[in-house]
Structure formats: structure tokens, C-alpha cells
């Protein structure tokens, strides 16, 4: 599966090691992230991609089920809509990590996407914390883009937004899942608190750029 983003593609594989190698040999990837490469697939990457292989990061696939889910919601979390386009646009541009500059029209389009809802806590007419659903299928929904502004971290905001996003993910699918950097201990603690468990260790491979998990 290939998901087109503004600046690069995200590529997810589901199949055999030989199948992954065959696809990479045929498909030209110039700027891409492969966020869920299994360790047993790692050795085919240099052969198939050559010098296009960029940094390789350790990542964890974490999953949450209806049985393990323990929501902790201590803040007013809302789903953003078209009326929040301006503050959403400002929030994305001002993030200290991976800022994204978008037009108001692009912000409106993003918040109108029924398949990828955006949840947030708003304080003083600005977004304080955010989480989204990036992909939904009957078996699994992916939760992502969890971010809290630096000065408001360690106040439970991330726990609240991830709880609401996970609740919606489990309404859509049997399992909620997310990918996190293996060295991101604070985020892992938050996810474990609401019921996520480590399902698999992965490699997050960049092609033509450095975009860590």
C-alpha cells in the first residue's frame, strides 16, 4: 500500500520477503518512508534500493483491543471540523517537530476527510494537543500524529486525546494500532497507560530523506 503525503510517500508491505524484494526492484522510490519493515525483510533493502536507502530507525508496533482499552479522559477533547481550519493550520506550522505549512484550503480539506478524523484539546483558542486516525480498515485502524505543545506536556493532555482517538479507532475496527519510535519512552508510557501493548519490533526505513518515527 502506498499513501501519498505532501513531501513523500509512505509504503506499507504485507506479504513475503521475496515479494517485498520484487516490488522494490520494480518500483522507483525517490522520497519515501517505509514505517513497518519487519526485521526479516531488512536485508533485501540495500540490494533493491542501493544508495537510496537513508537512515534506519528502530520502531515499535503497538496495538490496543476493546478488551485491553483503558481510556483516561480528563480534558475536553473534540473532533475538529471546518470551523477549526485556521487554528489547525497555525498549529501544524508552529510545531517544533516536523512543521507543516499548508493553505487554509488544504486545512479545510484535511479536516473534512471523514476517513481521517482529527481530535484535539483547545485551550485559549489554540490547539494544545492532537491525535488523528490516519487509516481505517475492518481489522485495524492506525492512530497517529500525537503531539502536545511543549509547554503543556506532562499534564495528561496526550492521554486524553489518544484515549478519544483510540475509542473512535475501536469503533471502526477490531484493533487500534500505532507506530512509535523505540526510544520514545514518554510516548510509550502514555500508550501503555490506556491499554496498548507492544506487538512487534520493526524497522522504520527512510528513502531519500530523514523522517524518524
N, C-alpha and C. Protein backbone atom coordinates (compact mmCIF):
# COMPACT_ATOMS: atom_id res chain seq x y z
N UNK A 1 0.85 -1.18 0.00
CA UNK A 1 0.00 0.00 0.00
C UNK A 1 0.89 1.24 0.00
N UNK A 2 0.53 2.21 -0.81
CA UNK A 2 1.29 3.46 -0.89
C UNK A 2 0.35 4.62 -0.55
N UNK A 3 0.76 5.43 0.41
CA UNK A 3 -0.01 6.60 0.80
C UNK A 3 0.78 7.85 0.44
N UNK A 4 0.19 8.71 -0.36
CA UNK A 4 0.87 9.91 -0.82
C UNK A 4 0.70 11.03 0.20
N UNK A 5 1.81 11.57 0.67
CA UNK A 5 1.80 12.72 1.57
C UNK A 5 2.25 13.94 0.77
N UNK A 6 2.39 15.06 1.46
CA UNK A 6 2.76 16.30 0.77
C UNK A 6 4.17 16.22 0.20
N UNK A 7 5.10 15.64 0.94
CA UNK A 7 6.51 15.68 0.55
C UNK A 7 7.12 14.31 0.25
N UNK A 8 6.42 13.24 0.58
CA UNK A 8 6.97 11.90 0.37
C UNK A 8 5.83 10.89 0.42
N UNK A 9 6.15 9.65 0.07
CA UNK A 9 5.19 8.56 0.14
C UNK A 9 5.46 7.70 1.36
N UNK A 10 4.40 7.12 1.92
CA UNK A 10 4.55 6.09 2.95
C UNK A 10 4.18 4.76 2.31
N UNK A 11 5.05 3.77 2.49
CA UNK A 11 4.87 2.48 1.83
C UNK A 11 4.78 1.39 2.89
N UNK A 12 3.68 0.63 2.85
CA UNK A 12 3.47 -0.47 3.78
C UNK A 12 3.40 -1.78 3.00
N UNK A 13 4.14 -2.77 3.47
CA UNK A 13 4.16 -4.07 2.82
C UNK A 13 3.34 -5.08 3.61
N UNK A 14 2.72 -6.01 2.90
CA UNK A 14 2.03 -7.13 3.53
C UNK A 14 2.23 -8.33 2.62
N UNK A 15 3.16 -9.19 2.97
CA UNK A 15 3.45 -10.33 2.11
C UNK A 15 4.77 -10.96 2.48
N UNK A 16 5.34 -11.71 1.56
CA UNK A 16 6.57 -12.44 1.82
C UNK A 16 7.79 -11.55 1.62
N UNK A 17 8.91 -12.01 2.14
CA UNK A 17 10.18 -11.31 1.98
C UNK A 17 10.53 -11.19 0.50
N UNK A 18 10.34 -12.26 -0.25
CA UNK A 18 10.65 -12.23 -1.68
C UNK A 18 9.71 -11.28 -2.43
N UNK A 19 8.47 -11.19 -1.97
CA UNK A 19 7.53 -10.26 -2.59
C UNK A 19 7.94 -8.82 -2.37
N UNK A 20 8.41 -8.52 -1.16
CA UNK A 20 8.89 -7.17 -0.86
C UNK A 20 10.06 -6.82 -1.78
N UNK A 21 10.99 -7.76 -1.92
CA UNK A 21 12.14 -7.51 -2.78
C UNK A 21 11.72 -7.27 -4.22
N UNK A 22 10.77 -8.05 -4.72
CA UNK A 22 10.31 -7.91 -6.11
C UNK A 22 9.65 -6.55 -6.34
N UNK A 23 8.85 -6.11 -5.37
CA UNK A 23 8.18 -4.81 -5.50
C UNK A 23 9.22 -3.69 -5.52
N UNK A 24 10.16 -3.73 -4.59
CA UNK A 24 11.16 -2.67 -4.50
C UNK A 24 12.06 -2.63 -5.73
N UNK A 25 12.25 -3.77 -6.36
CA UNK A 25 13.07 -3.81 -7.57
C UNK A 25 12.36 -3.13 -8.74
N UNK A 26 11.04 -3.19 -8.74
CA UNK A 26 10.27 -2.66 -9.86
C UNK A 26 9.80 -1.22 -9.64
N UNK A 27 9.59 -0.84 -8.39
CA UNK A 27 9.02 0.48 -8.09
C UNK A 27 10.13 1.45 -7.69
N UNK A 28 10.18 2.58 -8.34
CA UNK A 28 11.20 3.59 -8.05
C UNK A 28 10.72 4.48 -6.90
N UNK A 29 11.41 4.43 -5.78
CA UNK A 29 11.10 5.27 -4.64
C UNK A 29 12.18 6.33 -4.51
N UNK A 30 11.80 7.59 -4.64
CA UNK A 30 12.76 8.68 -4.53
C UNK A 30 12.73 9.33 -3.15
N UNK A 31 11.54 9.60 -2.65
CA UNK A 31 11.36 10.16 -1.30
C UNK A 31 10.22 9.39 -0.64
N UNK A 32 10.58 8.53 0.29
CA UNK A 32 9.56 7.67 0.87
C UNK A 32 9.98 7.25 2.28
N UNK A 33 8.98 6.83 3.03
CA UNK A 33 9.20 6.22 4.34
C UNK A 33 8.51 4.87 4.33
N UNK A 34 9.25 3.86 4.77
CA UNK A 34 8.68 2.53 4.97
C UNK A 34 8.63 2.30 6.48
N UNK A 35 7.47 2.58 7.12
CA UNK A 35 7.43 2.65 8.58
C UNK A 35 7.27 1.32 9.29
N UNK A 36 7.06 0.24 8.56
CA UNK A 36 6.74 -1.03 9.24
C UNK A 36 7.45 -2.20 8.56
N UNK A 37 8.76 -2.09 8.43
CA UNK A 37 9.54 -3.17 7.81
C UNK A 37 9.90 -4.19 8.89
N UNK A 38 9.58 -5.44 8.62
CA UNK A 38 9.92 -6.50 9.57
C UNK A 38 11.43 -6.77 9.52
N UNK A 39 12.03 -7.10 10.65
CA UNK A 39 13.48 -7.34 10.67
C UNK A 39 13.93 -8.36 9.62
N UNK A 40 13.11 -9.38 9.36
CA UNK A 40 13.49 -10.40 8.38
C UNK A 40 13.47 -9.87 6.95
N UNK A 41 12.89 -8.68 6.73
CA UNK A 41 12.87 -8.07 5.40
C UNK A 41 14.02 -7.08 5.21
N UNK A 42 14.75 -6.81 6.27
CA UNK A 42 15.73 -5.73 6.25
C UNK A 42 16.85 -5.96 5.24
N UNK A 43 17.28 -7.19 5.10
CA UNK A 43 18.44 -7.43 4.25
C UNK A 43 18.16 -7.25 2.77
N UNK A 44 16.88 -7.21 2.36
CA UNK A 44 16.59 -7.03 0.94
C UNK A 44 16.64 -5.55 0.55
N UNK A 45 16.64 -4.66 1.53
CA UNK A 45 16.56 -3.23 1.23
C UNK A 45 17.79 -2.69 0.50
N UNK A 46 19.02 -2.92 0.99
CA UNK A 46 20.17 -2.37 0.26
C UNK A 46 20.29 -2.91 -1.16
N UNK A 47 19.98 -4.19 -1.33
CA UNK A 47 20.09 -4.79 -2.65
C UNK A 47 19.08 -4.18 -3.61
N UNK A 48 17.85 -3.95 -3.13
CA UNK A 48 16.80 -3.44 -4.00
C UNK A 48 16.86 -1.93 -4.19
N UNK A 49 17.29 -1.21 -3.16
CA UNK A 49 17.25 0.26 -3.21
C UNK A 49 18.61 0.90 -3.46
N UNK A 50 19.69 0.17 -3.22
CA UNK A 50 21.01 0.73 -3.44
C UNK A 50 21.30 1.90 -2.51
N UNK A 51 21.93 2.95 -3.07
CA UNK A 51 22.33 4.09 -2.24
C UNK A 51 21.17 5.02 -1.89
N UNK A 52 19.95 4.66 -2.32
CA UNK A 52 18.79 5.46 -1.93
C UNK A 52 18.35 5.20 -0.50
N UNK A 53 18.82 4.11 0.10
CA UNK A 53 18.46 3.81 1.47
C UNK A 53 19.00 4.90 2.39
N UNK A 54 18.12 5.47 3.19
CA UNK A 54 18.53 6.51 4.12
C UNK A 54 18.65 5.96 5.53
N UNK A 55 18.47 6.80 6.52
CA UNK A 55 18.57 6.32 7.91
C UNK A 55 17.54 5.22 8.20
N UNK A 56 17.93 4.30 9.07
CA UNK A 56 17.05 3.22 9.51
C UNK A 56 16.85 3.36 11.02
N UNK A 57 15.60 3.47 11.44
CA UNK A 57 15.28 3.68 12.85
C UNK A 57 14.57 2.46 13.43
N UNK A 58 14.75 2.25 14.72
CA UNK A 58 14.00 1.20 15.42
C UNK A 58 12.63 1.74 15.81
N UNK A 59 11.60 0.94 15.59
CA UNK A 59 10.24 1.36 15.90
C UNK A 59 9.48 0.20 16.53
N UNK A 60 8.37 0.53 17.17
CA UNK A 60 7.50 -0.48 17.78
C UNK A 60 6.10 -0.35 17.21
N UNK A 61 5.51 -1.48 16.86
CA UNK A 61 4.09 -1.52 16.52
C UNK A 61 3.34 -1.89 17.78
N UNK A 62 2.45 -0.99 18.24
CA UNK A 62 1.67 -1.23 19.45
C UNK A 62 0.21 -1.37 19.06
N UNK A 63 -0.49 -2.26 19.77
CA UNK A 63 -1.89 -2.50 19.46
C UNK A 63 -2.74 -2.46 20.72
N UNK A 64 -4.01 -2.09 20.52
CA UNK A 64 -4.98 -2.00 21.61
C UNK A 64 -6.28 -2.63 21.14
N UNK A 65 -6.89 -3.44 21.99
CA UNK A 65 -8.17 -4.06 21.67
C UNK A 65 -9.25 -3.51 22.59
N UNK A 66 -10.49 -3.84 22.28
CA UNK A 66 -11.59 -3.41 23.14
C UNK A 66 -11.43 -3.96 24.54
N UNK A 67 -10.85 -5.15 24.67
CA UNK A 67 -10.67 -5.78 25.98
C UNK A 67 -9.56 -5.11 26.78
N UNK A 68 -8.51 -4.64 26.12
CA UNK A 68 -7.39 -4.04 26.85
C UNK A 68 -7.52 -2.53 27.05
N UNK A 69 -8.43 -1.90 26.32
CA UNK A 69 -8.55 -0.44 26.32
C UNK A 69 -8.97 0.09 27.68
N UNK A 70 -8.21 1.07 28.19
CA UNK A 70 -8.48 1.72 29.48
C UNK A 70 -8.45 3.23 29.29
N UNK A 71 -9.52 3.82 28.75
CA UNK A 71 -9.50 5.26 28.45
C UNK A 71 -9.34 6.11 29.70
N UNK A 72 -8.53 7.15 29.56
CA UNK A 72 -8.33 8.13 30.63
C UNK A 72 -8.53 9.52 30.01
N UNK A 73 -9.71 10.08 30.21
CA UNK A 73 -10.06 11.36 29.57
C UNK A 73 -10.34 12.39 30.66
N UNK A 74 -9.41 13.30 30.83
CA UNK A 74 -9.54 14.33 31.86
C UNK A 74 -9.66 15.74 31.25
N UNK A 75 -9.77 15.80 29.92
CA UNK A 75 -9.86 17.09 29.24
C UNK A 75 -10.99 17.04 28.22
N UNK A 76 -11.41 18.19 27.79
CA UNK A 76 -12.47 18.28 26.79
C UNK A 76 -11.87 18.08 25.40
N UNK A 77 -11.98 16.88 24.89
CA UNK A 77 -11.44 16.54 23.57
C UNK A 77 -12.56 16.63 22.54
N UNK A 78 -12.31 17.34 21.46
CA UNK A 78 -13.32 17.50 20.41
C UNK A 78 -12.76 17.01 19.08
N UNK A 79 -13.68 16.69 18.17
CA UNK A 79 -13.25 16.40 16.80
C UNK A 79 -13.24 17.71 16.04
N UNK A 80 -12.13 18.02 15.41
CA UNK A 80 -12.01 19.27 14.68
C UNK A 80 -12.82 19.22 13.38
N UNK A 81 -13.43 20.36 13.06
CA UNK A 81 -14.19 20.50 11.83
C UNK A 81 -13.74 21.71 11.05
N UNK A 82 -14.51 22.06 10.04
CA UNK A 82 -14.13 23.16 9.16
C UNK A 82 -13.95 24.48 9.90
N UNK A 83 -14.67 24.67 10.98
CA UNK A 83 -14.55 25.90 11.75
C UNK A 83 -13.23 26.04 12.49
N UNK A 84 -12.46 24.96 12.53
CA UNK A 84 -11.17 25.00 13.22
C UNK A 84 -10.00 25.06 12.24
N UNK A 85 -10.27 25.29 10.96
CA UNK A 85 -9.23 25.22 9.94
C UNK A 85 -8.08 26.19 10.21
N UNK A 86 -8.38 27.40 10.64
CA UNK A 86 -7.32 28.38 10.83
C UNK A 86 -6.41 28.01 11.99
N UNK A 87 -6.98 27.60 13.13
CA UNK A 87 -6.11 27.25 14.26
C UNK A 87 -5.38 25.92 13.98
N UNK A 88 -5.98 25.04 13.20
CA UNK A 88 -5.30 23.81 12.80
C UNK A 88 -4.10 24.14 11.91
N UNK A 89 -4.31 25.02 10.96
CA UNK A 89 -3.22 25.44 10.06
C UNK A 89 -2.08 26.06 10.85
N UNK A 90 -2.40 26.93 11.81
CA UNK A 90 -1.37 27.56 12.63
C UNK A 90 -0.63 26.54 13.49
N UNK A 91 -1.38 25.62 14.06
CA UNK A 91 -0.78 24.60 14.91
C UNK A 91 0.21 23.76 14.12
N UNK A 92 -0.16 23.33 12.93
CA UNK A 92 0.72 22.47 12.14
C UNK A 92 1.98 23.21 11.72
N UNK A 93 1.87 24.50 11.45
CA UNK A 93 3.03 25.28 11.02
C UNK A 93 3.98 25.60 12.17
N UNK A 94 3.46 25.61 13.40
CA UNK A 94 4.27 26.04 14.54
C UNK A 94 4.84 24.89 15.35
N UNK A 95 4.56 23.65 14.95
CA UNK A 95 5.11 22.52 15.70
C UNK A 95 6.64 22.56 15.68
N UNK A 96 7.26 22.24 16.80
CA UNK A 96 8.72 22.25 16.86
C UNK A 96 9.32 21.08 16.09
N UNK A 97 8.55 20.01 15.94
CA UNK A 97 8.99 18.84 15.19
C UNK A 97 8.12 18.68 13.96
N UNK A 98 8.71 18.59 12.80
CA UNK A 98 8.01 18.38 11.54
C UNK A 98 6.90 19.41 11.29
N UNK A 99 7.21 20.69 11.31
CA UNK A 99 6.18 21.67 10.98
C UNK A 99 5.70 21.50 9.55
N UNK A 100 4.43 21.75 9.34
CA UNK A 100 3.83 21.61 8.01
C UNK A 100 3.14 22.92 7.66
N UNK A 101 3.56 23.53 6.56
CA UNK A 101 2.94 24.76 6.10
C UNK A 101 1.85 24.39 5.09
N UNK A 102 0.63 24.78 5.38
CA UNK A 102 -0.48 24.47 4.48
C UNK A 102 -1.36 25.70 4.29
N UNK A 103 -2.06 25.72 3.19
CA UNK A 103 -3.00 26.81 2.95
C UNK A 103 -4.28 26.56 3.75
N UNK A 104 -5.11 27.59 3.84
CA UNK A 104 -6.38 27.42 4.53
C UNK A 104 -7.25 26.38 3.81
N UNK A 105 -7.18 26.38 2.49
CA UNK A 105 -7.95 25.40 1.72
C UNK A 105 -7.49 23.98 2.04
N UNK A 106 -6.17 23.78 2.15
CA UNK A 106 -5.64 22.45 2.48
C UNK A 106 -6.07 22.04 3.89
N UNK A 107 -6.08 22.99 4.81
CA UNK A 107 -6.53 22.68 6.17
C UNK A 107 -8.00 22.29 6.18
N UNK A 108 -8.81 23.00 5.42
CA UNK A 108 -10.24 22.67 5.32
C UNK A 108 -10.43 21.28 4.73
N UNK A 109 -9.69 20.96 3.70
CA UNK A 109 -9.78 19.63 3.08
C UNK A 109 -9.41 18.54 4.07
N UNK A 110 -8.34 18.78 4.82
CA UNK A 110 -7.89 17.76 5.77
C UNK A 110 -8.93 17.51 6.85
N UNK A 111 -9.53 18.58 7.37
CA UNK A 111 -10.50 18.43 8.45
C UNK A 111 -11.85 17.95 7.96
N UNK A 112 -12.06 17.95 6.65
CA UNK A 112 -13.31 17.45 6.07
C UNK A 112 -13.23 15.97 5.69
N UNK A 113 -12.08 15.37 5.87
CA UNK A 113 -11.87 13.98 5.49
C UNK A 113 -12.49 13.06 6.54
N UNK A 114 -13.61 12.43 6.21
CA UNK A 114 -14.32 11.58 7.15
C UNK A 114 -13.52 10.34 7.52
N UNK A 115 -12.62 9.93 6.66
CA UNK A 115 -11.84 8.73 6.92
C UNK A 115 -10.66 8.98 7.85
N UNK A 116 -10.29 10.26 8.03
CA UNK A 116 -9.12 10.58 8.85
C UNK A 116 -9.46 11.69 9.86
N UNK A 117 -10.28 11.37 10.85
CA UNK A 117 -10.68 12.40 11.81
C UNK A 117 -9.51 12.90 12.65
N UNK A 118 -9.63 14.16 13.08
CA UNK A 118 -8.60 14.81 13.89
C UNK A 118 -9.24 15.20 15.22
N UNK A 119 -8.62 14.79 16.32
CA UNK A 119 -9.13 15.08 17.66
C UNK A 119 -8.14 15.98 18.38
N UNK A 120 -8.68 16.91 19.19
CA UNK A 120 -7.77 17.87 19.83
C UNK A 120 -8.38 18.43 21.10
N UNK A 121 -7.51 18.95 21.94
CA UNK A 121 -7.89 19.78 23.08
C UNK A 121 -7.53 21.21 22.72
N UNK A 122 -8.48 22.12 22.87
CA UNK A 122 -8.25 23.53 22.56
C UNK A 122 -8.24 24.33 23.86
N UNK A 123 -7.19 25.10 24.06
CA UNK A 123 -7.07 25.97 25.22
C UNK A 123 -6.66 27.36 24.75
N UNK A 124 -7.34 28.37 25.25
CA UNK A 124 -7.06 29.76 24.88
C UNK A 124 -7.06 29.96 23.37
N UNK A 125 -8.05 29.36 22.72
CA UNK A 125 -8.28 29.50 21.27
C UNK A 125 -7.12 28.99 20.43
N UNK A 126 -6.39 28.01 20.95
CA UNK A 126 -5.35 27.35 20.16
C UNK A 126 -5.34 25.87 20.51
N UNK A 127 -4.80 25.07 19.62
CA UNK A 127 -4.72 23.63 19.85
C UNK A 127 -3.58 23.35 20.82
N UNK A 128 -3.91 22.61 21.87
CA UNK A 128 -2.91 22.26 22.88
C UNK A 128 -2.35 20.86 22.66
N UNK A 129 -3.20 19.96 22.17
CA UNK A 129 -2.78 18.58 21.97
C UNK A 129 -3.64 17.97 20.88
N UNK A 130 -3.09 17.00 20.15
CA UNK A 130 -3.78 16.49 18.97
C UNK A 130 -3.47 15.00 18.77
N UNK A 131 -4.42 14.28 18.18
CA UNK A 131 -4.21 12.91 17.74
C UNK A 131 -5.17 12.66 16.58
N UNK A 132 -4.78 11.80 15.66
CA UNK A 132 -5.60 11.57 14.48
C UNK A 132 -5.75 10.06 14.22
N UNK A 133 -6.66 9.74 13.33
CA UNK A 133 -6.73 8.40 12.75
C UNK A 133 -6.30 8.55 11.30
N UNK A 134 -5.26 7.82 10.92
CA UNK A 134 -4.69 8.00 9.59
C UNK A 134 -5.17 6.96 8.59
N UNK A 135 -5.70 5.84 9.07
CA UNK A 135 -6.12 4.77 8.19
C UNK A 135 -7.10 3.88 8.93
N UNK A 136 -8.19 3.51 8.27
CA UNK A 136 -9.18 2.61 8.88
C UNK A 136 -9.51 1.47 7.95
N UNK A 137 -9.44 0.26 8.48
CA UNK A 137 -9.88 -0.94 7.79
C UNK A 137 -10.69 -1.78 8.78
N UNK A 138 -11.49 -2.73 8.32
CA UNK A 138 -12.30 -3.52 9.26
C UNK A 138 -11.48 -4.18 10.36
N UNK A 139 -10.28 -4.65 10.02
CA UNK A 139 -9.46 -5.35 11.00
C UNK A 139 -8.69 -4.39 11.91
N UNK A 140 -8.26 -3.24 11.36
CA UNK A 140 -7.33 -2.40 12.10
C UNK A 140 -7.43 -0.94 11.67
N UNK A 141 -7.36 -0.04 12.65
CA UNK A 141 -7.25 1.39 12.38
C UNK A 141 -5.94 1.90 12.97
N UNK A 142 -5.27 2.78 12.21
CA UNK A 142 -3.99 3.33 12.66
C UNK A 142 -4.20 4.70 13.28
N UNK A 143 -3.68 4.88 14.48
CA UNK A 143 -3.72 6.16 15.18
C UNK A 143 -2.35 6.82 15.03
N UNK A 144 -2.33 8.14 14.84
CA UNK A 144 -1.05 8.79 14.65
C UNK A 144 -1.09 10.28 14.91
N UNK A 145 0.00 10.95 14.57
CA UNK A 145 0.18 12.40 14.71
C UNK A 145 -0.20 12.84 16.12
N UNK A 146 0.30 12.12 17.12
CA UNK A 146 0.04 12.50 18.51
C UNK A 146 1.08 13.56 18.90
N UNK A 147 0.59 14.73 19.29
CA UNK A 147 1.53 15.83 19.58
C UNK A 147 0.89 16.79 20.57
N UNK A 148 1.69 17.20 21.56
CA UNK A 148 1.27 18.20 22.54
C UNK A 148 2.29 19.34 22.52
N UNK A 149 1.83 20.56 22.60
CA UNK A 149 2.76 21.69 22.59
C UNK A 149 3.69 21.57 23.80
N UNK A 150 4.96 21.93 23.63
CA UNK A 150 5.97 21.65 24.67
C UNK A 150 5.63 22.16 26.06
N UNK A 151 5.09 23.37 26.14
CA UNK A 151 4.86 23.96 27.46
C UNK A 151 3.70 23.31 28.21
N UNK A 152 2.93 22.46 27.55
CA UNK A 152 1.78 21.82 28.20
C UNK A 152 1.95 20.31 28.34
N UNK A 153 3.15 19.83 28.13
CA UNK A 153 3.38 18.40 28.26
C UNK A 153 3.39 17.99 29.73
N UNK A 154 3.20 16.70 29.95
CA UNK A 154 3.15 16.12 31.30
C UNK A 154 1.97 16.64 32.11
N UNK A 155 0.89 16.96 31.42
CA UNK A 155 -0.35 17.39 32.09
C UNK A 155 -1.52 16.47 31.78
N UNK A 156 -1.26 15.37 31.10
CA UNK A 156 -2.33 14.43 30.78
C UNK A 156 -3.06 14.69 29.49
N UNK A 157 -2.66 15.73 28.76
CA UNK A 157 -3.36 16.07 27.52
C UNK A 157 -3.24 14.95 26.49
N UNK A 158 -2.02 14.43 26.31
CA UNK A 158 -1.82 13.38 25.32
C UNK A 158 -2.63 12.14 25.68
N UNK A 159 -2.72 11.83 26.96
CA UNK A 159 -3.51 10.67 27.39
C UNK A 159 -4.97 10.85 27.01
N UNK A 160 -5.48 12.07 27.17
CA UNK A 160 -6.87 12.34 26.82
C UNK A 160 -7.13 12.22 25.33
N UNK A 161 -6.28 12.83 24.51
CA UNK A 161 -6.54 12.80 23.07
C UNK A 161 -6.32 11.40 22.49
N UNK A 162 -5.31 10.68 23.00
CA UNK A 162 -5.10 9.32 22.49
C UNK A 162 -6.24 8.41 22.92
N UNK A 163 -6.82 8.67 24.07
CA UNK A 163 -7.97 7.87 24.52
C UNK A 163 -9.16 8.05 23.59
N UNK A 164 -9.44 9.29 23.22
CA UNK A 164 -10.59 9.56 22.34
C UNK A 164 -10.32 9.01 20.93
N UNK A 165 -9.12 9.23 20.42
CA UNK A 165 -8.79 8.71 19.09
C UNK A 165 -8.85 7.19 19.07
N UNK A 166 -8.38 6.56 20.14
CA UNK A 166 -8.42 5.09 20.21
C UNK A 166 -9.85 4.58 20.30
N UNK A 167 -10.68 5.29 21.04
CA UNK A 167 -12.09 4.91 21.13
C UNK A 167 -12.75 4.91 19.76
N UNK A 168 -12.47 5.94 18.96
CA UNK A 168 -13.03 6.00 17.61
C UNK A 168 -12.42 4.91 16.73
N UNK A 169 -11.13 4.65 16.88
CA UNK A 169 -10.49 3.60 16.10
C UNK A 169 -11.12 2.24 16.39
N UNK A 170 -11.43 1.98 17.66
CA UNK A 170 -12.04 0.70 18.03
C UNK A 170 -13.51 0.63 17.64
N UNK A 171 -14.13 1.78 17.45
CA UNK A 171 -15.50 1.78 16.92
C UNK A 171 -15.49 1.36 15.45
N UNK A 172 -14.43 1.72 14.74
CA UNK A 172 -14.33 1.43 13.31
C UNK A 172 -13.76 0.05 13.02
N UNK A 173 -12.88 -0.42 13.90
CA UNK A 173 -12.10 -1.63 13.61
C UNK A 173 -11.99 -2.52 14.84
N UNK A 174 -11.52 -3.73 14.62
CA UNK A 174 -11.33 -4.66 15.73
C UNK A 174 -10.15 -4.27 16.61
N UNK A 175 -9.15 -3.64 16.00
CA UNK A 175 -7.91 -3.31 16.71
C UNK A 175 -7.49 -1.89 16.39
N UNK A 176 -6.99 -1.17 17.39
CA UNK A 176 -6.34 0.12 17.18
C UNK A 176 -4.84 -0.10 17.23
N UNK A 177 -4.10 0.52 16.32
CA UNK A 177 -2.66 0.32 16.26
C UNK A 177 -1.95 1.64 16.05
N UNK A 178 -0.69 1.68 16.42
CA UNK A 178 0.14 2.87 16.19
C UNK A 178 1.59 2.43 16.12
N UNK A 179 2.40 3.27 15.52
CA UNK A 179 3.84 3.02 15.43
C UNK A 179 4.56 4.15 16.16
N UNK A 180 5.51 3.79 17.00
CA UNK A 180 6.23 4.77 17.81
C UNK A 180 7.71 4.43 17.78
N UNK A 181 8.54 5.45 17.87
CA UNK A 181 9.98 5.23 17.95
C UNK A 181 10.33 4.40 19.18
N UNK A 182 11.20 3.41 19.02
CA UNK A 182 11.52 2.52 20.13
C UNK A 182 12.19 3.26 21.29
N UNK A 183 12.77 4.43 21.02
CA UNK A 183 13.44 5.19 22.07
C UNK A 183 12.56 6.28 22.67
N UNK A 184 11.30 6.35 22.28
CA UNK A 184 10.40 7.40 22.76
C UNK A 184 9.67 6.91 24.01
N UNK A 185 10.40 6.82 25.11
CA UNK A 185 9.85 6.26 26.34
C UNK A 185 8.63 7.02 26.86
N UNK A 186 8.60 8.37 26.85
CA UNK A 186 7.41 9.06 27.35
C UNK A 186 6.14 8.71 26.58
N UNK A 187 6.24 8.62 25.25
CA UNK A 187 5.06 8.27 24.45
C UNK A 187 4.63 6.83 24.71
N UNK A 188 5.59 5.93 24.81
CA UNK A 188 5.27 4.53 25.06
C UNK A 188 4.52 4.38 26.38
N UNK A 189 4.94 5.13 27.40
CA UNK A 189 4.26 5.06 28.71
C UNK A 189 2.81 5.51 28.58
N UNK A 190 2.57 6.57 27.82
CA UNK A 190 1.20 7.04 27.62
C UNK A 190 0.35 5.98 26.94
N UNK A 191 0.89 5.38 25.89
CA UNK A 191 0.13 4.38 25.15
C UNK A 191 -0.15 3.15 26.01
N UNK A 192 0.83 2.73 26.80
CA UNK A 192 0.62 1.57 27.67
C UNK A 192 -0.42 1.88 28.74
N UNK A 193 -0.47 3.12 29.17
CA UNK A 193 -1.41 3.52 30.21
C UNK A 193 -2.86 3.31 29.78
N UNK A 194 -3.13 3.53 28.49
CA UNK A 194 -4.52 3.39 28.02
C UNK A 194 -4.80 2.03 27.39
N UNK A 195 -3.83 1.12 27.45
CA UNK A 195 -4.12 -0.24 27.04
C UNK A 195 -3.38 -0.79 25.84
N UNK A 196 -2.46 -0.01 25.26
CA UNK A 196 -1.67 -0.52 24.15
C UNK A 196 -0.57 -1.44 24.67
N UNK A 197 -0.27 -2.48 23.90
CA UNK A 197 0.85 -3.37 24.21
C UNK A 197 1.75 -3.48 22.99
N UNK A 198 3.01 -3.76 23.22
CA UNK A 198 3.95 -3.91 22.10
C UNK A 198 3.65 -5.21 21.36
N UNK A 199 3.39 -5.08 20.09
CA UNK A 199 3.04 -6.24 19.26
C UNK A 199 4.23 -6.75 18.47
N UNK A 200 5.06 -5.84 17.98
CA UNK A 200 6.19 -6.26 17.15
C UNK A 200 7.25 -5.16 17.10
N UNK A 201 8.51 -5.56 17.06
CA UNK A 201 9.61 -4.63 16.82
C UNK A 201 9.79 -4.51 15.31
N UNK A 202 9.94 -3.29 14.83
CA UNK A 202 10.01 -3.02 13.40
C UNK A 202 11.23 -2.16 13.07
N UNK A 203 11.49 -2.04 11.79
CA UNK A 203 12.46 -1.08 11.28
C UNK A 203 11.70 -0.02 10.48
N UNK A 204 12.05 1.21 10.72
CA UNK A 204 11.45 2.37 10.03
C UNK A 204 12.53 2.87 9.07
N UNK A 205 12.31 2.67 7.78
CA UNK A 205 13.36 2.95 6.80
C UNK A 205 13.00 4.17 5.96
N UNK A 206 13.94 5.08 5.86
CA UNK A 206 13.77 6.29 5.06
C UNK A 206 14.48 6.12 3.72
N UNK A 207 13.89 6.69 2.69
CA UNK A 207 14.49 6.67 1.35
C UNK A 207 14.53 8.10 0.84
N UNK A 208 15.73 8.64 0.66
CA UNK A 208 15.89 9.97 0.12
C UNK A 208 15.61 11.10 1.07
N UNK A 209 15.42 10.82 2.34
CA UNK A 209 15.18 11.84 3.36
C UNK A 209 15.38 11.19 4.71
N UNK A 210 15.40 12.03 5.77
CA UNK A 210 15.46 11.51 7.14
C UNK A 210 14.20 11.98 7.86
N UNK A 211 13.28 11.07 8.08
CA UNK A 211 12.00 11.39 8.73
C UNK A 211 11.77 10.31 9.78
N UNK A 212 12.30 10.50 11.00
CA UNK A 212 12.21 9.46 12.03
C UNK A 212 10.79 9.29 12.56
N UNK A 213 10.52 8.15 13.21
CA UNK A 213 9.17 7.92 13.77
C UNK A 213 8.86 8.87 14.91
